[in-house]
Amino acid sequence: MHYRLSLRRAGVEGRGTTENLSERGAMVSLDIDPPLAAGEEIALEIELPGYGSLVVPSKVRWASTVLPGMTGVEFTLPVPPVLLAHIAELVNSRLDEAEGVA
């Protein structure tokens, strides 16, 4: 799922999109300089359709050295319930589509 996001680190703002999304984390494509490094704690501000902006505390798990800006983040527990509900809704709608349920 591609959702717009932003983050701020030491006065530097970055923007990007989610490339995938799960209950525990996401792969994100970011435009921020300098790039994030594994271990950094950040707050992602994700734009959820039908909800608006949601701040999700996260920790950088990896940053690609091949694809600039590609970064893996793990959401800090507890994950906001609205995000978990949104992800469950996405999964259920995909399962219904796969099974041909209208």
PDB file of N, CA and C in Angstrom:
ATOM      1  N   MET A   1       0.835  -1.170   0.000  1.00  0.00           N
ATOM      2  CA  MET A   1       0.000   0.000   0.000  1.00  0.00           C
ATOM      3  C   MET A   1       0.885   1.242   0.000  1.00  0.00           C
ATOM      4  N   HIS A   2       0.566   2.159  -0.857  1.00  0.00           N
ATOM      5  CA  HIS A   2       1.347   3.388  -0.974  1.00  0.00           C
ATOM      6  C   HIS A   2       0.604   4.547  -0.311  1.00  0.00           C
ATOM      7  N   TYR A   3       1.080   4.912   0.871  1.00  0.00           N
ATOM      8  CA  TYR A   3       0.516   6.040   1.595  1.00  0.00           C
ATOM      9  C   TYR A   3       1.601   7.096   1.761  1.00  0.00           C
ATOM     10  N   ARG A   4       1.207   8.342   1.657  1.00  0.00           N
ATOM     11  CA  ARG A   4       2.158   9.431   1.877  1.00  0.00           C
ATOM     12  C   ARG A   4       2.548   9.471   3.346  1.00  0.00           C
ATOM     13  N   LEU A   5       3.792   9.866   3.582  1.00  0.00           N
ATOM     14  CA  LEU A   5       4.255  10.004   4.963  1.00  0.00           C
ATOM     15  C   LEU A   5       5.285  11.104   5.054  1.00  0.00           C
ATOM     16  N   SER A   6       5.524  11.504   6.275  1.00  0.00           N
ATOM     17  CA  SER A   6       6.578  12.476   6.539  1.00  0.00           C
ATOM     18  C   SER A   6       7.222  12.133   7.873  1.00  0.00           C
ATOM     19  N   LEU A   7       8.405  12.671   8.085  1.00  0.00           N
ATOM     20  CA  LEU A   7       9.080  12.512   9.370  1.00  0.00           C
ATOM     21  C   LEU A   7      10.009  13.692   9.565  1.00  0.00           C
ATOM     22  N   ARG A   8      10.328  13.927  10.809  1.00  0.00           N
ATOM     23  CA  ARG A   8      11.230  15.018  11.147  1.00  0.00           C
ATOM     24  C   ARG A   8      12.313  14.446  12.048  1.00  0.00           C
ATOM     25  N   ARG A   9      13.551  14.829  11.725  1.00  0.00           N
ATOM     26  CA  ARG A   9      14.683  14.353  12.519  1.00  0.00           C
ATOM     27  C   ARG A   9      15.662  15.499  12.684  1.00  0.00           C
ATOM     28  N   ALA A  10      15.874  15.892  13.923  1.00  0.00           N
ATOM     29  CA  ALA A  10      16.831  16.959  14.245  1.00  0.00           C
ATOM     30  C   ALA A  10      16.641  18.173  13.345  1.00  0.00           C
ATOM     31  N   GLY A  11      15.375  18.590  13.170  1.00  0.00           N
ATOM     32  CA  GLY A  11      15.091  19.769  12.372  1.00  0.00           C
ATOM     33  C   GLY A  11      15.055  19.531  10.875  1.00  0.00           C
ATOM     34  N   VAL A  12      15.403  18.331  10.424  1.00  0.00           N
ATOM     35  CA  VAL A  12      15.371  18.001   8.999  1.00  0.00           C
ATOM     36  C   VAL A  12      14.095  17.221   8.723  1.00  0.00           C
ATOM     37  N   GLU A  13      13.340  17.686   7.737  1.00  0.00           N
ATOM     38  CA  GLU A  13      12.087  17.006   7.401  1.00  0.00           C
ATOM     39  C   GLU A  13      12.285  16.138   6.174  1.00  0.00           C
ATOM     40  N   GLY A  14      11.671  14.969   6.209  1.00  0.00           N
ATOM     41  CA  GLY A  14      11.705  14.070   5.067  1.00  0.00           C
ATOM     42  C   GLY A  14      10.294  13.691   4.662  1.00  0.00           C
ATOM     43  N   ARG A  15      10.142  13.342   3.421  1.00  0.00           N
ATOM     44  CA  ARG A  15       8.852  12.902   2.892  1.00  0.00           C
ATOM     45  C   ARG A  15       9.057  11.607   2.146  1.00  0.00           C
ATOM     46  N   GLY A  16       7.966  10.876   1.973  1.00  0.00           N
ATOM     47  CA  GLY A  16       8.076   9.637   1.235  1.00  0.00           C
ATOM     48  C   GLY A  16       6.743   8.931   1.147  1.00  0.00           C
ATOM     49  N   THR A  17       6.820   7.631   0.872  1.00  0.00           N
ATOM     50  CA  THR A  17       5.633   6.790   0.779  1.00  0.00           C
ATOM     51  C   THR A  17       5.924   5.433   1.393  1.00  0.00           C
ATOM     52  N   THR A  18       4.857   4.777   1.829  1.00  0.00           N
ATOM     53  CA  THR A  18       5.011   3.391   2.238  1.00  0.00           C
ATOM     54  C   THR A  18       5.079   2.552   0.975  1.00  0.00           C
ATOM     55  N   GLU A  19       5.881   1.529   0.990  1.00  0.00           N
ATOM     56  CA  GLU A  19       5.959   0.581  -0.127  1.00  0.00           C
ATOM     57  C   GLU A  19       5.188  -0.685   0.224  1.00  0.00           C
ATOM     58  N   ASN A  20       5.209  -1.043   1.482  1.00  0.00           N
ATOM     59  CA  ASN A  20       4.367  -2.111   2.010  1.00  0.00           C
ATOM     60  C   ASN A  20       4.097  -1.801   3.466  1.00  0.00           C
ATOM     61  N   LEU A  21       3.139  -2.515   4.029  1.00  0.00           N
ATOM     62  CA  LEU A  21       2.668  -2.178   5.365  1.00  0.00           C
ATOM     63  C   LEU A  21       2.211  -3.460   6.041  1.00  0.00           C
ATOM     64  N   SER A  22       2.614  -3.650   7.290  1.00  0.00           N
ATOM     65  CA  SER A  22       2.159  -4.809   8.055  1.00  0.00           C
ATOM     66  C   SER A  22       1.843  -4.356   9.470  1.00  0.00           C
ATOM     67  N   GLU A  23       1.385  -5.281  10.284  1.00  0.00           N
ATOM     68  CA  GLU A  23       1.052  -4.959  11.672  1.00  0.00           C
ATOM     69  C   GLU A  23       2.280  -4.600  12.496  1.00  0.00           C
ATOM     70  N   ARG A  24       3.445  -5.023  12.062  1.00  0.00           N
ATOM     71  CA  ARG A  24       4.669  -4.791  12.830  1.00  0.00           C
ATOM     72  C   ARG A  24       5.571  -3.712  12.257  1.00  0.00           C
ATOM     73  N   GLY A  25       5.386  -3.365  10.975  1.00  0.00           N
ATOM     74  CA  GLY A  25       6.274  -2.379  10.387  1.00  0.00           C
ATOM     75  C   GLY A  25       5.963  -2.109   8.933  1.00  0.00           C
ATOM     76  N   ALA A  26       6.929  -1.485   8.266  1.00  0.00           N
ATOM     77  CA  ALA A  26       6.725  -1.114   6.872  1.00  0.00           C
ATOM     78  C   ALA A  26       8.072  -0.959   6.177  1.00  0.00           C
ATOM     79  N   MET A  27       8.024  -1.070   4.855  1.00  0.00           N
ATOM     80  CA  MET A  27       9.143  -0.647   4.037  1.00  0.00           C
ATOM     81  C   MET A  27       8.717   0.693   3.463  1.00  0.00           C
ATOM     82  N   VAL A  28       9.573   1.685   3.600  1.00  0.00           N
ATOM     83  CA  VAL A  28       9.230   3.023   3.156  1.00  0.00           C
ATOM     84  C   VAL A  28      10.302   3.542   2.204  1.00  0.00           C
ATOM     85  N   SER A  29       9.881   4.400   1.310  1.00  0.00           N
ATOM     86  CA  SER A  29      10.790   5.088   0.403  1.00  0.00           C
ATOM     87  C   SER A  29      10.818   6.538   0.858  1.00  0.00           C
ATOM     88  N   LEU A  30      11.997   7.003   1.269  1.00  0.00           N
ATOM     89  CA  LEU A  30      12.119   8.326   1.876  1.00  0.00           C
ATOM     90  C   LEU A  30      13.052   9.235   1.100  1.00  0.00           C
ATOM     91  N   ASP A  31      12.732  10.507   1.138  1.00  0.00           N
ATOM     92  CA  ASP A  31      13.612  11.539   0.614  1.00  0.00           C
ATOM     93  C   ASP A  31      14.044  12.366   1.813  1.00  0.00           C
ATOM     94  N   ILE A  32      15.184  11.996   2.404  1.00  0.00           N
ATOM     95  CA  ILE A  32      15.714  12.712   3.565  1.00  0.00           C
ATOM     96  C   ILE A  32      17.238  12.644   3.504  1.00  0.00           C
ATOM     97  N   ASP A  33      17.862  13.760   3.845  1.00  0.00           N
ATOM     98  CA  ASP A  33      19.317  13.816   3.781  1.00  0.00           C
ATOM     99  C   ASP A  33      19.842  14.411   5.080  1.00  0.00           C
ATOM    100  N   PRO A  34      20.716  13.729   5.786  1.00  0.00           N
ATOM    101  CA  PRO A  34      21.308  12.449   5.426  1.00  0.00           C
ATOM    102  C   PRO A  34      20.319  11.299   5.618  1.00  0.00           C
ATOM    103  N   PRO A  35      20.565  10.168   4.956  1.00  0.00           N
ATOM    104  CA  PRO A  35      19.666   9.013   5.077  1.00  0.00           C
ATOM    105  C   PRO A  35      19.601   8.500   6.510  1.00  0.00           C
ATOM    106  N   LEU A  36      18.523   7.802   6.800  1.00  0.00           N
ATOM    107  CA  LEU A  36      18.367   7.187   8.120  1.00  0.00           C
ATOM    108  C   LEU A  36      19.335   6.019   8.266  1.00  0.00           C
ATOM    109  N   ALA A  37      19.640   5.683   9.509  1.00  0.00           N
ATOM    110  CA  ALA A  37      20.534   4.565   9.797  1.00  0.00           C
ATOM    111  C   ALA A  37      19.839   3.589  10.735  1.00  0.00           C
ATOM    112  N   ALA A  38      20.199   2.322  10.620  1.00  0.00           N
ATOM    113  CA  ALA A  38      19.635   1.287  11.487  1.00  0.00           C
ATOM    114  C   ALA A  38      19.812   1.691  12.947  1.00  0.00           C
ATOM    115  N   GLY A  39      18.744   1.492  13.726  1.00  0.00           N
ATOM    116  CA  GLY A  39      18.770   1.795  15.142  1.00  0.00           C
ATOM    117  C   GLY A  39      18.160   3.136  15.507  1.00  0.00           C
ATOM    118  N   GLU A  40      18.009   4.029  14.533  1.00  0.00           N
ATOM    119  CA  GLU A  40      17.415   5.347  14.831  1.00  0.00           C
ATOM    120  C   GLU A  40      15.948   5.197  15.206  1.00  0.00           C
ATOM    121  N   GLU A  41      15.536   5.959  16.204  1.00  0.00           N
ATOM    122  CA  GLU A  41      14.130   6.009  16.582  1.00  0.00           C
ATOM    123  C   GLU A  41      13.524   7.228  15.916  1.00  0.00           C
ATOM    124  N   ILE A  42      12.398   7.017  15.240  1.00  0.00           N
ATOM    125  CA  ILE A  42      11.756   8.084  14.480  1.00  0.00           C
ATOM    126  C   ILE A  42      10.252   8.051  14.725  1.00  0.00           C
ATOM    127  N   ALA A  43       9.583   9.091  14.305  1.00  0.00           N
ATOM    128  CA  ALA A  43       8.123   9.130  14.323  1.00  0.00           C
ATOM    129  C   ALA A  43       7.658   9.367  12.898  1.00  0.00           C
ATOM    130  N   LEU A  44       7.014   8.366  12.331  1.00  0.00           N
ATOM    131  CA  LEU A  44       6.444   8.500  10.991  1.00  0.00           C
ATOM    132  C   LEU A  44       5.059   9.117  11.108  1.00  0.00           C
ATOM    133  N   GLU A  45       4.750  10.026  10.232  1.00  0.00           N
ATOM    134  CA  GLU A  45       3.413  10.588  10.163  1.00  0.00           C
ATOM    135  C   GLU A  45       2.802  10.077   8.859  1.00  0.00           C
ATOM    136  N   ILE A  46       1.910   9.098   8.986  1.00  0.00           N
ATOM    137  CA  ILE A  46       1.329   8.415   7.835  1.00  0.00           C
ATOM    138  C   ILE A  46      -0.062   8.974   7.556  1.00  0.00           C
ATOM    139  N   GLU A  47      -0.348   9.237   6.286  1.00  0.00           N
ATOM    140  CA  GLU A  47      -1.671   9.702   5.861  1.00  0.00           C
ATOM    141  C   GLU A  47      -2.540   8.489   5.543  1.00  0.00           C
ATOM    142  N   LEU A  48      -3.454   8.136   6.455  1.00  0.00           N
ATOM    143  CA  LEU A  48      -4.351   7.000   6.236  1.00  0.00           C
ATOM    144  C   LEU A  48      -5.634   7.472   5.564  1.00  0.00           C
ATOM    145  N   PRO A  49      -6.016   6.848   4.451  1.00  0.00           N
ATOM    146  CA  PRO A  49      -7.260   7.227   3.785  1.00  0.00           C
ATOM    147  C   PRO A  49      -8.452   7.073   4.740  1.00  0.00           C
ATOM    148  N   GLY A  50      -9.323   8.057   4.744  1.00  0.00           N
ATOM    149  CA  GLY A  50     -10.509   7.995   5.577  1.00  0.00           C
ATOM    150  C   GLY A  50     -10.259   8.318   7.038  1.00  0.00           C
ATOM    151  N   TYR A  51      -9.004   8.542   7.404  1.00  0.00           N
ATOM    152  CA  TYR A  51      -8.684   8.846   8.795  1.00  0.00           C
ATOM    153  C   TYR A  51      -7.933  10.168   8.914  1.00  0.00           C
ATOM    154  N   GLY A  52      -6.923  10.319   8.091  1.00  0.00           N
ATOM    155  CA  GLY A  52      -6.073  11.503   8.165  1.00  0.00           C
ATOM    156  C   GLY A  52      -4.684  11.131   8.632  1.00  0.00           C
ATOM    157  N   SER A  53      -4.031  12.069   9.251  1.00  0.00           N
ATOM    158  CA  SER A  53      -2.645  11.904   9.670  1.00  0.00           C
ATOM    159  C   SER A  53      -2.553  11.124  10.978  1.00  0.00           C
ATOM    160  N   LEU A  54      -1.643  10.155  11.018  1.00  0.00           N
ATOM    161  CA  LEU A  54      -1.440   9.324  12.198  1.00  0.00           C
ATOM    162  C   LEU A  54       0.058   9.228  12.478  1.00  0.00           C
ATOM    163  N   VAL A  55       0.472   9.613  13.676  1.00  0.00           N
ATOM    164  CA  VAL A  55       1.886   9.525  14.054  1.00  0.00           C
ATOM    165  C   VAL A  55       2.151   8.141  14.634  1.00  0.00           C
ATOM    166  N   VAL A  56       3.162   7.472  14.078  1.00  0.00           N
ATOM    167  CA  VAL A  56       3.501   6.112  14.494  1.00  0.00           C
ATOM    168  C   VAL A  56       4.979   6.069  14.898  1.00  0.00           C
ATOM    169  N   PRO A  57       5.271   5.992  16.208  1.00  0.00           N
ATOM    170  CA  PRO A  57       6.659   5.849  16.643  1.00  0.00           C
ATOM    171  C   PRO A  57       7.247   4.555  16.065  1.00  0.00           C
ATOM    172  N   SER A  58       8.476   4.642  15.568  1.00  0.00           N
ATOM    173  CA  SER A  58       9.092   3.517  14.868  1.00  0.00           C
ATOM    174  C   SER A  58      10.593   3.494  15.114  1.00  0.00           C
ATOM    175  N   LYS A  59      11.192   2.366  14.742  1.00  0.00           N
ATOM    176  CA  LYS A  59      12.642   2.215  14.831  1.00  0.00           C
ATOM    177  C   LYS A  59      13.144   1.718  13.480  1.00  0.00           C
ATOM    178  N   VAL A  60      14.203   2.341  12.979  1.00  0.00           N
ATOM    179  CA  VAL A  60      14.782   1.929  11.705  1.00  0.00           C
ATOM    180  C   VAL A  60      15.484   0.586  11.906  1.00  0.00           C
ATOM    181  N   ARG A  61      15.129  -0.387  11.100  1.00  0.00           N
ATOM    182  CA  ARG A  61      15.757  -1.714  11.170  1.00  0.00           C
ATOM    183  C   ARG A  61      16.821  -1.890  10.110  1.00  0.00           C
ATOM    184  N   TRP A  62      16.608  -1.294   8.939  1.00  0.00           N
ATOM    185  CA  TRP A  62      17.617  -1.358   7.887  1.00  0.00           C
ATOM    186  C   TRP A  62      17.428  -0.200   6.919  1.00  0.00           C
ATOM    187  N   ALA A  63      18.501   0.168   6.274  1.00  0.00           N
ATOM    188  CA  ALA A  63      18.468   1.190   5.227  1.00  0.00           C
ATOM    189  C   ALA A  63      19.270   0.634   4.055  1.00  0.00           C
ATOM    190  N   SER A  64      18.665   0.614   2.888  1.00  0.00           N
ATOM    191  CA  SER A  64      19.304   0.047   1.705  1.00  0.00           C
ATOM    192  C   SER A  64      20.529   0.856   1.300  1.00  0.00           C
ATOM    193  N   THR A  65      21.573   0.149   0.941  1.00  0.00           N
ATOM    194  CA  THR A  65      22.755   0.806   0.390  1.00  0.00           C
ATOM    195  C   THR A  65      22.724   0.749  -1.136  1.00  0.00           C
ATOM    196  N   VAL A  66      21.751   0.018  -1.682  1.00  0.00           N
ATOM    197  CA  VAL A  66      21.619  -0.126  -3.131  1.00  0.00           C
ATOM    198  C   VAL A  66      20.528   0.792  -3.686  1.00  0.00           C
ATOM    199  N   LEU A  67      19.402   0.841  -3.000  1.00  0.00           N
ATOM    200  CA  LEU A  67      18.275   1.679  -3.429  1.00  0.00           C
ATOM    201  C   LEU A  67      18.153   2.863  -2.470  1.00  0.00           C
ATOM    202  N   PRO A  68      18.660   4.019  -2.840  1.00  0.00           N
ATOM    203  CA  PRO A  68      18.633   5.174  -1.935  1.00  0.00           C
ATOM    204  C   PRO A  68      17.223   5.472  -1.424  1.00  0.00           C
ATOM    205  N   GLY A  69      17.119   5.656  -0.121  1.00  0.00           N
ATOM    206  CA  GLY A  69      15.854   6.005   0.501  1.00  0.00           C
ATOM    207  C   GLY A  69      15.011   4.835   0.957  1.00  0.00           C
ATOM    208  N   MET A  70      15.267   3.625   0.437  1.00  0.00           N
ATOM    209  CA  MET A  70      14.480   2.459   0.866  1.00  0.00           C
ATOM    210  C   MET A  70      14.913   2.082   2.272  1.00  0.00           C
ATOM    211  N   THR A  71      13.934   2.018   3.169  1.00  0.00           N
ATOM    212  CA  THR A  71      14.211   1.829   4.584  1.00  0.00           C
ATOM    213  C   THR A  71      13.162   0.915   5.201  1.00  0.00           C
ATOM    214  N   GLY A  72      13.591   0.004   6.035  1.00  0.00           N
ATOM    215  CA  GLY A  72      12.677  -0.866   6.769  1.00  0.00           C
ATOM    216  C   GLY A  72      12.513  -0.350   8.181  1.00  0.00           C
ATOM    217  N   VAL A  73      11.260  -0.193   8.612  1.00  0.00           N
ATOM    218  CA  VAL A  73      10.997   0.293   9.963  1.00  0.00           C
ATOM    219  C   VAL A  73      10.113  -0.698  10.710  1.00  0.00           C
ATOM    220  N   GLU A  74      10.346  -0.785  11.995  1.00  0.00           N
ATOM    221  CA  GLU A  74       9.504  -1.582  12.894  1.00  0.00           C
ATOM    222  C   GLU A  74       8.739  -0.614  13.773  1.00  0.00           C
ATOM    223  N   PHE A  75       7.418  -0.788  13.841  1.00  0.00           N
ATOM    224  CA  PHE A  75       6.604   0.083  14.676  1.00  0.00           C
ATOM    225  C   PHE A  75       6.877  -0.218  16.145  1.00  0.00           C
ATOM    226  N   THR A  76       6.963   0.831  16.953  1.00  0.00           N
ATOM    227  CA  THR A  76       7.168   0.694  18.384  1.00  0.00           C
ATOM    228  C   THR A  76       5.843   0.284  19.030  1.00  0.00           C
ATOM    229  N   LEU A  77       5.897  -0.702  19.896  1.00  0.00           N
ATOM    230  CA  LEU A  77       4.689  -1.177  20.573  1.00  0.00           C
ATOM    231  C   LEU A  77       4.310  -0.227  21.698  1.00  0.00           C
ATOM    232  N   PRO A  78       3.045   0.003  21.950  1.00  0.00           N
ATOM    233  CA  PRO A  78       1.913  -0.570  21.233  1.00  0.00           C
ATOM    234  C   PRO A  78       1.640   0.190  19.934  1.00  0.00           C
ATOM    235  N   VAL A  79       1.302  -0.558  18.890  1.00  0.00           N
ATOM    236  CA  VAL A  79       0.953   0.033  17.598  1.00  0.00           C
ATOM    237  C   VAL A  79      -0.431   0.679  17.748  1.00  0.00           C
ATOM    238  N   PRO A  80      -0.614   1.886  17.219  1.00  0.00           N
ATOM    239  CA  PRO A  80      -1.921   2.554  17.350  1.00  0.00           C
ATOM    240  C   PRO A  80      -3.060   1.664  16.837  1.00  0.00           C
ATOM    241  N   PRO A  81      -4.106   1.489  17.646  1.00  0.00           N
ATOM    242  CA  PRO A  81      -5.220   0.614  17.255  1.00  0.00           C
ATOM    243  C   PRO A  81      -5.852   0.973  15.911  1.00  0.00           C
ATOM    244  N   VAL A  82      -5.903   2.266  15.584  1.00  0.00           N
ATOM    245  CA  VAL A  82      -6.502   2.653  14.304  1.00  0.00           C
ATOM    246  C   VAL A  82      -5.678   2.109  13.133  1.00  0.00           C
ATOM    247  N   LEU A  83      -4.367   2.044  13.282  1.00  0.00           N
ATOM    248  CA  LEU A  83      -3.516   1.484  12.227  1.00  0.00           C
ATOM    249  C   LEU A  83      -3.730  -0.025  12.114  1.00  0.00           C
ATOM    250  N   LEU A  84      -3.788  -0.709  13.247  1.00  0.00           N
ATOM    251  CA  LEU A  84      -4.037  -2.159  13.233  1.00  0.00           C
ATOM    252  C   LEU A  84      -5.389  -2.472  12.601  1.00  0.00           C
ATOM    253  N   ALA A  85      -6.420  -1.690  12.920  1.00  0.00           N
ATOM    254  CA  ALA A  85      -7.749  -1.904  12.344  1.00  0.00           C
ATOM    255  C   ALA A  85      -7.720  -1.664  10.838  1.00  0.00           C
ATOM    256  N   HIS A  86      -7.001  -0.646  10.404  1.00  0.00           N
ATOM    257  CA  HIS A  86      -6.898  -0.348   8.979  1.00  0.00           C
ATOM    258  C   HIS A  86      -6.214  -1.495   8.231  1.00  0.00           C
ATOM    259  N   ILE A  87      -5.130  -2.008   8.785  1.00  0.00           N
ATOM    260  CA  ILE A  87      -4.412  -3.113   8.149  1.00  0.00           C
ATOM    261  C   ILE A  87      -5.291  -4.355   8.093  1.00  0.00           C
ATOM    262  N   ALA A  88      -6.005  -4.657   9.174  1.00  0.00           N
ATOM    263  CA  ALA A  88      -6.911  -5.817   9.186  1.00  0.00           C
ATOM    264  C   ALA A  88      -7.987  -5.667   8.120  1.00  0.00           C
ATOM    265  N   GLU A  89      -8.505  -4.457   7.956  1.00  0.00           N
ATOM    266  CA  GLU A  89      -9.516  -4.205   6.930  1.00  0.00           C
ATOM    267  C   GLU A  89      -8.943  -4.440   5.528  1.00  0.00           C
ATOM    268  N   LEU A  90      -7.712  -3.983   5.305  1.00  0.00           N
ATOM    269  CA  LEU A  90      -7.063  -4.205   4.016  1.00  0.00           C
ATOM    270  C   LEU A  90      -6.879  -5.692   3.732  1.00  0.00           C
ATOM    271  N   VAL A  91      -6.400  -6.423   4.718  1.00  0.00           N
ATOM    272  CA  VAL A  91      -6.171  -7.863   4.552  1.00  0.00           C
ATOM    273  C   VAL A  91      -7.486  -8.570   4.264  1.00  0.00           C
ATOM    274  N   ASN A  92      -8.517  -8.252   5.033  1.00  0.00           N
ATOM    275  CA  ASN A  92      -9.813  -8.903   4.834  1.00  0.00           C
ATOM    276  C   ASN A  92     -10.395  -8.600   3.461  1.00  0.00           C
ATOM    277  N   SER A  93     -10.249  -7.366   2.981  1.00  0.00           N
ATOM    278  CA  SER A  93     -10.790  -7.030   1.662  1.00  0.00           C
ATOM    279  C   SER A  93     -10.021  -7.758   0.570  1.00  0.00           C
ATOM    280  N   ARG A  94      -8.712  -7.924   0.740  1.00  0.00           N
ATOM    281  CA  ARG A  94      -7.908  -8.677  -0.247  1.00  0.00           C
ATOM    282  C   ARG A  94      -8.291 -10.153  -0.238  1.00  0.00           C
ATOM    283  N   LEU A  95      -8.532 -10.704   0.946  1.00  0.00           N
ATOM    284  CA  LEU A  95      -8.952 -12.110   1.039  1.00  0.00           C
ATOM    285  C   LEU A  95     -10.308 -12.306   0.365  1.00  0.00           C
ATOM    286  N   ASP A  96     -11.226 -11.358   0.612  1.00  0.00           N
ATOM    287  CA  ASP A  96     -12.544 -11.443  -0.026  1.00  0.00           C
ATOM    288  C   ASP A  96     -12.414 -11.390  -1.554  1.00  0.00           C
ATOM    289  N   GLU A  97     -11.540 -10.502  -2.056  1.00  0.00           N
ATOM    290  CA  GLU A  97     -11.322 -10.408  -3.499  1.00  0.00           C
ATOM    291  C   GLU A  97     -10.763 -11.718  -4.056  1.00  0.00           C
ATOM    292  N   ALA A  98      -9.816 -12.306  -3.329  1.00  0.00           N
ATOM    293  CA  ALA A  98      -9.187 -13.542  -3.779  1.00  0.00           C
ATOM    294  C   ALA A  98     -10.193 -14.704  -3.798  1.00  0.00           C
ATOM    295  N   GLU A  99     -11.139 -14.669  -2.879  1.00  0.00           N
ATOM    296  CA  GLU A  99     -12.128 -15.739  -2.797  1.00  0.00           C
ATOM    297  C   GLU A  99     -13.368 -15.442  -3.630  1.00  0.00           C
ATOM    298  N   GLY A 100     -13.410 -14.268  -4.273  1.00  0.00           N
ATOM    299  CA  GLY A 100     -14.549 -13.912  -5.111  1.00  0.00           C
ATOM    300  C   GLY A 100     -15.762 -13.471  -4.351  1.00  0.00           C
ATOM    301  N   VAL A 101     -15.581 -13.033  -3.088  1.00  0.00           N
ATOM    302  CA  VAL A 101     -16.697 -12.562  -2.280  1.00  0.00           C
ATOM    303  C   VAL A 101     -16.983 -11.115  -2.652  1.00  0.00           C
ATOM    304  N   ALA A 102     -18.238 -10.793  -2.850  1.00  0.00           N
ATOM    305  CA  ALA A 102     -18.603  -9.425  -3.224  1.00  0.00           C
ATOM    306  C   ALA A 102     -18.827  -8.552  -2.015  1.00  0.00           C
TER     307      ALA A 102
END
